[in-house]
Amino acid sequence: AIGNLRALVSSHEMYRSVNNVYPQTANYQADMYTTPDPDFGPPSFNVAMTGQTVQGYNWTYTAPTTQTYTISAVAQTLGSTGTRAFFASEAGTVRHCRGAGPADAADLTLDQPPVAC
């Protein structure tokens, strides 16, 4: 999940560098995968990204403005597919918490032990 989140953050920065905005929530799949050639994002994430399950985590992408976004990852089955929840934004920092989540901007960074969520 951490590697996927870092790949997504990187792909969103590539998208922004070309388009001067982040992909918008309603057009996520078209912006990242259907329209561009080549695709901006990792192949596993060629989905709408609104509560989608990819590799054992439920992922949600929101873009409240053209210059901000958040990505959240919550274990599909706590204790089986994962024990932590993750969060990233346009700031590029990955944050985490231990439990069902979701993690958010107030949670600790990966270099610190997770707190309960």
C-alpha atoms as a PDB file:
ATOM      1  CA  ALA A   1       0.000   0.000   0.000  1.00  0.00           C
ATOM      2  CA  ILE A   2       2.858   2.384   0.775  1.00  0.00           C
ATOM      3  CA  GLY A   3       4.534   1.700  -2.564  1.00  0.00           C
ATOM      4  CA  ASN A   4       1.219   2.131  -4.392  1.00  0.00           C
ATOM      5  CA  LEU A   5       0.558   5.403  -2.606  1.00  0.00           C
ATOM      6  CA  ARG A   6       4.002   6.743  -3.480  1.00  0.00           C
ATOM      7  CA  ALA A   7       3.493   5.718  -7.132  1.00  0.00           C
ATOM      8  CA  LEU A   8       0.123   7.488  -7.154  1.00  0.00           C
ATOM      9  CA  VAL A   9       1.580  10.671  -5.652  1.00  0.00           C
ATOM     10  CA  SER A  10       4.313  10.643  -8.285  1.00  0.00           C
ATOM     11  CA  SER A  11       1.839  10.047 -11.127  1.00  0.00           C
ATOM     12  CA  HIS A  12      -0.347  12.914  -9.911  1.00  0.00           C
ATOM     13  CA  GLU A  13       2.645  15.244  -9.956  1.00  0.00           C
ATOM     14  CA  MET A  14       3.429  14.153 -13.521  1.00  0.00           C
ATOM     15  CA  TYR A  15      -0.194  14.883 -14.484  1.00  0.00           C
ATOM     16  CA  ARG A  16      -0.027  18.313 -12.821  1.00  0.00           C
ATOM     17  CA  SER A  17       3.245  19.175 -14.539  1.00  0.00           C
ATOM     18  CA  VAL A  18       1.609  18.591 -17.935  1.00  0.00           C
ATOM     19  CA  ASN A  19      -1.874  20.009 -17.234  1.00  0.00           C
ATOM     20  CA  ASN A  20      -1.238  22.598 -14.470  1.00  0.00           C
ATOM     21  CA  VAL A  21      -4.075  21.013 -12.436  1.00  0.00           C
ATOM     22  CA  TYR A  22      -4.653  17.722 -10.641  1.00  0.00           C
ATOM     23  CA  PRO A  23      -7.152  15.235 -12.089  1.00  0.00           C
ATOM     24  CA  GLN A  24     -10.669  15.987 -10.905  1.00  0.00           C
ATOM     25  CA  THR A  25     -12.652  13.433  -8.911  1.00  0.00           C
ATOM     26  CA  ALA A  26     -15.464  12.895 -11.445  1.00  0.00           C
ATOM     27  CA  ASN A  27     -13.035  12.543 -14.385  1.00  0.00           C
ATOM     28  CA  TYR A  28     -10.269  10.627 -12.620  1.00  0.00           C
ATOM     29  CA  GLN A  29     -10.138   7.548 -14.830  1.00  0.00           C
ATOM     30  CA  ALA A  30     -10.428   9.540 -18.071  1.00  0.00           C
ATOM     31  CA  ASP A  31      -7.847  12.113 -16.946  1.00  0.00           C
ATOM     32  CA  MET A  32      -5.287   9.558 -15.783  1.00  0.00           C
ATOM     33  CA  TYR A  33      -5.837   6.620 -18.154  1.00  0.00           C
ATOM     34  CA  THR A  34      -8.308   7.046 -21.015  1.00  0.00           C
ATOM     35  CA  THR A  35      -7.313  10.401 -22.521  1.00  0.00           C
ATOM     36  CA  PRO A  36      -3.499  10.616 -22.089  1.00  0.00           C
ATOM     37  CA  ASP A  37      -1.049   8.527 -24.061  1.00  0.00           C
ATOM     38  CA  PRO A  38       0.826   7.106 -22.269  1.00  0.00           C
ATOM     39  CA  ASP A  39      -1.188   6.686 -19.075  1.00  0.00           C
ATOM     40  CA  PHE A  40      -0.148   8.726 -16.056  1.00  0.00           C
ATOM     41  CA  GLY A  41      -0.943   6.219 -13.323  1.00  0.00           C
ATOM     42  CA  PRO A  42       0.030   2.710 -12.278  1.00  0.00           C
ATOM     43  CA  PRO A  43      -1.939   0.089 -14.298  1.00  0.00           C
ATOM     44  CA  SER A  44      -3.646  -1.421 -11.221  1.00  0.00           C
ATOM     45  CA  PHE A  45      -5.360   1.905 -10.563  1.00  0.00           C
ATOM     46  CA  ASN A  46      -7.156   2.232 -13.896  1.00  0.00           C
ATOM     47  CA  VAL A  47     -10.436   2.493 -11.958  1.00  0.00           C
ATOM     48  CA  ALA A  48     -12.747   5.318 -10.900  1.00  0.00           C
ATOM     49  CA  MET A  49     -10.888   5.600  -7.520  1.00  0.00           C
ATOM     50  CA  THR A  50     -14.023   6.296  -5.532  1.00  0.00           C
ATOM     51  CA  GLY A  51     -14.068   3.558  -2.914  1.00  0.00           C
ATOM     52  CA  GLN A  52     -12.351   1.088  -5.259  1.00  0.00           C
ATOM     53  CA  THR A  53     -10.560  -1.994  -3.929  1.00  0.00           C
ATOM     54  CA  VAL A  54      -7.068  -2.552  -5.320  1.00  0.00           C
ATOM     55  CA  GLN A  55      -4.618  -5.071  -3.870  1.00  0.00           C
ATOM     56  CA  GLY A  56      -6.428  -5.490  -0.547  1.00  0.00           C
ATOM     57  CA  TYR A  57      -7.057  -1.811   0.173  1.00  0.00           C
ATOM     58  CA  ASN A  58     -10.073   0.407  -0.432  1.00  0.00           C
ATOM     59  CA  TRP A  59      -8.813   3.547  -2.206  1.00  0.00           C
ATOM     60  CA  THR A  60     -10.526   6.916  -2.421  1.00  0.00           C
ATOM     61  CA  TYR A  61      -9.364   9.928  -4.400  1.00  0.00           C
ATOM     62  CA  THR A  62     -10.860  13.387  -3.949  1.00  0.00           C
ATOM     63  CA  ALA A  63      -9.907  16.667  -5.567  1.00  0.00           C
ATOM     64  CA  PRO A  64     -11.773  19.507  -3.852  1.00  0.00           C
ATOM     65  CA  THR A  65      -9.974  22.068  -6.042  1.00  0.00           C
ATOM     66  CA  THR A  66      -7.817  21.926  -9.169  1.00  0.00           C
ATOM     67  CA  GLN A  67      -4.733  22.472  -6.996  1.00  0.00           C
ATOM     68  CA  THR A  68      -5.427  20.016  -4.163  1.00  0.00           C
ATOM     69  CA  TYR A  69      -6.207  16.336  -3.774  1.00  0.00           C
ATOM     70  CA  THR A  70      -6.242  13.574  -1.189  1.00  0.00           C
ATOM     71  CA  ILE A  71      -5.802   9.835  -1.518  1.00  0.00           C
ATOM     72  CA  SER A  72      -6.889   7.494   1.220  1.00  0.00           C
ATOM     73  CA  ALA A  73      -6.217   3.759   1.561  1.00  0.00           C
ATOM     74  CA  VAL A  74      -8.002   1.612   4.135  1.00  0.00           C
ATOM     75  CA  ALA A  75      -7.449  -2.135   4.566  1.00  0.00           C
ATOM     76  CA  GLN A  76     -10.321  -4.050   2.984  1.00  0.00           C
ATOM     77  CA  THR A  77     -10.173  -6.629   5.787  1.00  0.00           C
ATOM     78  CA  LEU A  78      -8.443  -5.257   8.859  1.00  0.00           C
ATOM     79  CA  GLY A  79      -5.841  -7.721  10.142  1.00  0.00           C
ATOM     80  CA  SER A  80      -5.916  -9.780   6.956  1.00  0.00           C
ATOM     81  CA  THR A  81      -5.171  -7.435   4.062  1.00  0.00           C
ATOM     82  CA  GLY A  82      -3.568  -4.776   6.255  1.00  0.00           C
ATOM     83  CA  THR A  83      -3.292  -3.309   9.748  1.00  0.00           C
ATOM     84  CA  ARG A  84      -2.862   0.365   8.911  1.00  0.00           C
ATOM     85  CA  ALA A  85      -4.657   3.100   6.996  1.00  0.00           C
ATOM     86  CA  PHE A  86      -2.794   5.574   4.785  1.00  0.00           C
ATOM     87  CA  PHE A  87      -3.252   9.129   3.533  1.00  0.00           C
ATOM     88  CA  ALA A  88      -1.459  11.385   1.050  1.00  0.00           C
ATOM     89  CA  SER A  89      -2.156  14.758  -0.502  1.00  0.00           C
ATOM     90  CA  GLU A  90      -0.592  17.178  -2.958  1.00  0.00           C
ATOM     91  CA  ALA A  91       2.038  17.851  -0.264  1.00  0.00           C
ATOM     92  CA  GLY A  92       3.487  14.429  -1.155  1.00  0.00           C
ATOM     93  CA  THR A  93       3.843  13.202   2.414  1.00  0.00           C
ATOM     94  CA  VAL A  94       2.442   9.751   3.220  1.00  0.00           C
ATOM     95  CA  ARG A  95       0.770   9.504   6.629  1.00  0.00           C
ATOM     96  CA  HIS A  96      -0.526   6.464   8.483  1.00  0.00           C
ATOM     97  CA  CYS A  97      -2.429   5.215  11.492  1.00  0.00           C
ATOM     98  CA  ARG A  98      -2.988   1.758  12.974  1.00  0.00           C
ATOM     99  CA  GLY A  99      -6.514   0.385  12.701  1.00  0.00           C
ATOM    100  CA  ALA A 100      -9.588   0.655  10.515  1.00  0.00           C
ATOM    101  CA  GLY A 101      -8.902   4.284   9.592  1.00  0.00           C
ATOM    102  CA  PRO A 102      -9.208   6.376   7.649  1.00  0.00           C
ATOM    103  CA  ALA A 103      -5.916   8.180   8.093  1.00  0.00           C
ATOM    104  CA  ASP A 104      -5.833  11.933   7.505  1.00  0.00           C
ATOM    105  CA  ALA A 105      -3.541  14.953   7.336  1.00  0.00           C
ATOM    106  CA  ALA A 106      -3.194  15.015  11.133  1.00  0.00           C
ATOM    107  CA  ASP A 107      -1.718  11.505  11.345  1.00  0.00           C
ATOM    108  CA  LEU A 108       1.983  10.825  11.694  1.00  0.00           C
ATOM    109  CA  THR A 109       4.398  10.417   8.786  1.00  0.00           C
ATOM    110  CA  LEU A 110       5.883   7.015   7.915  1.00  0.00           C
ATOM    111  CA  ASP A 111       9.118   7.739   9.773  1.00  0.00           C
ATOM    112  CA  GLN A 112       7.150   7.731  13.028  1.00  0.00           C
ATOM    113  CA  PRO A 113       5.230   4.839  14.623  1.00  0.00           C
ATOM    114  CA  PRO A 114       1.511   4.890  13.796  1.00  0.00           C
ATOM    115  CA  VAL A 115      -1.073   5.839  16.400  1.00  0.00           C
ATOM    116  CA  ALA A 116      -4.490   4.226  16.627  1.00  0.00           C
ATOM    117  CA  CYS A 117      -7.245   5.349  14.291  1.00  0.00           C
END
